[in-house]
Amino acid sequence: MKEKCAVLGIYSHDEVFDRIRYGLHTLQHRGQESAGIATYTGKINIHRDMGLVSDVFKHTYFSGNSGIGHVRYSTTGESNIRNAQPLVINYSKGVFAIAHNGNITNTGDLKSLLERRGSIFTTTTDTEIIAQLIAQEHIRTGDFVEGIKNAMEHLEGAYCLTILYEGKIIAVRDPWGFRPLVFGTNENENNKTYIVASESCALDVLSLKLVRDIKPSEILIIDDSGILSTTGPKQRTAHCMFEYVYFSRADSIINKRSVYEVRRNLGSILLQESEVDANLVVPVPDSGITAAVGYSENADIPYGEALMKNRYSGRTFIMPEQNDREIGVRLKLNPIISEIKNREIVLIDDSLVRGNTTKRLIKVLREAGVGKVHVRISCPPIRFPCPYGIDMQTTGEFIASDKSVDEIKEMIGADSLAYISLKGLIDAIGISKDNLCLGCLTGEYPIKSGKQMKLKG
């Protein structure tokens, strides 16, 4: 019951459906299996289906001045329409729609508790567990926001929520701040529009201004009266480092950091730590591009986009089955032979998780006549599972879990291989080690359930 997704919510005096749709399209990189939108017109209107945003909403429109949206990909949960979001919860106190990005780590205990209290589940997602918990706490306290606060006391793990309740938009970020969530608005004081989204790039496409990050443990309520902020339980901050390395779009700003600048810093530091003689720096598109720019501009080695990406092949990392990933790698990239033949290249990628893509790439490059391939990775070796919503679940699937750098170099067929150091990663991000989640690198997790997962991995 795990997901890695994007959420979005808009409150306006104008119709919001199309703007939510455009925002979700901008966040499509965070999930490609299903999409959904819910709006409010005195009742909740909802449409969700399997597929990309452009397909799901091709023939759909409904009214409403407030609404939420979601794109999803599954990790271990089922990929079907039943698990698509937003979810709508009907209960004795009313009805609300909810969308979730993250993963709850204590779902087993919570589901057993809720079932003993009478809840019946219709999906296999942890989002429904969150929703049922909020509903029960609302019934118990008599106040919806208090119900959310009480629910947060029971939840462990990563969750960014957008909730549509009685026309209000409510945004919630977990106390650790694992996943990004931002808030923005427009400049028109007479016709205010408010937005919450997983990444700031969704605001840019709608010409809305980024105001700030929603803080860890914050509950933000948006309605006709404006903005109200309150807080739930406090924990130590643990922003996911992988958002900066891989998952977020380079044009986003999260936790006050430009993703582009972080990746550029990663490339520069990678050069300082593991420079090598070569005559061309080549990124693995798209996520290796910015780090390659940072490496090249400080190395005085030309930068060349010598791998042509098939823009319609999808992201192999977020395809749900390993067989699908294997096919995706073969479809994804093709070298430009004139750029690489007989040249010694530095191949820059953002991460080396399973190793399939890199091994295949190097084979293709050799067949195209490259001289040498020096692989440089702008993330330290990933050795441990992620319990907080990224599709990295068991230790055995990580190439670095039981192999040295030299062994990995031999397996992927590179002439040399180097990763950025943990210190280099932290310096590039510019957030202290104590405020980052580095669990997949170190095996040290911010909360108890993560530590338990390390033992199970």
Foldseek 3Di string as FASTA:
>chain_A
DFWAKKKKKKAWPAWCFVLQLLLRLLQCLRAFFKKKKWADDVDIDIFMATGHSCPRCVPDDDGHRIMMMMHIFDFPFDRGRQPTDQDWDQDPVGIKTKDKGKFWLPQVVLVVVLVVVPDDDDGPGCRVSLVSQLVVLCVVPVDNVSSNQVSLVVTDFWIWMWMQDPNKTKTFGAQQNAFWKFKWWADDPVIIMIMIIRWCVSCVVVVIDTDGTQHHQWIWIQDPVGIDIDGHDHAFHAYALVCLLDRPDQCTATPNRRSLQLLLLLLQLLCVVDPDDWAEEEEDPDRQVSSSVSVCVNVVHYYDPFKDFDPPLRDLQRDHDPVSSLVSLVRTIAGDLVVFAQTAYEYEYSACFQLNNLLVVVVRSVVSHGNFYAYEYSAAFFQFADNMRGNRQHRVRGPPNPDDLVVSCVVSVHPYYDYRDPVSSCVSRVDDPSNHAPCRRPVDGRDDSSVVSRVVD
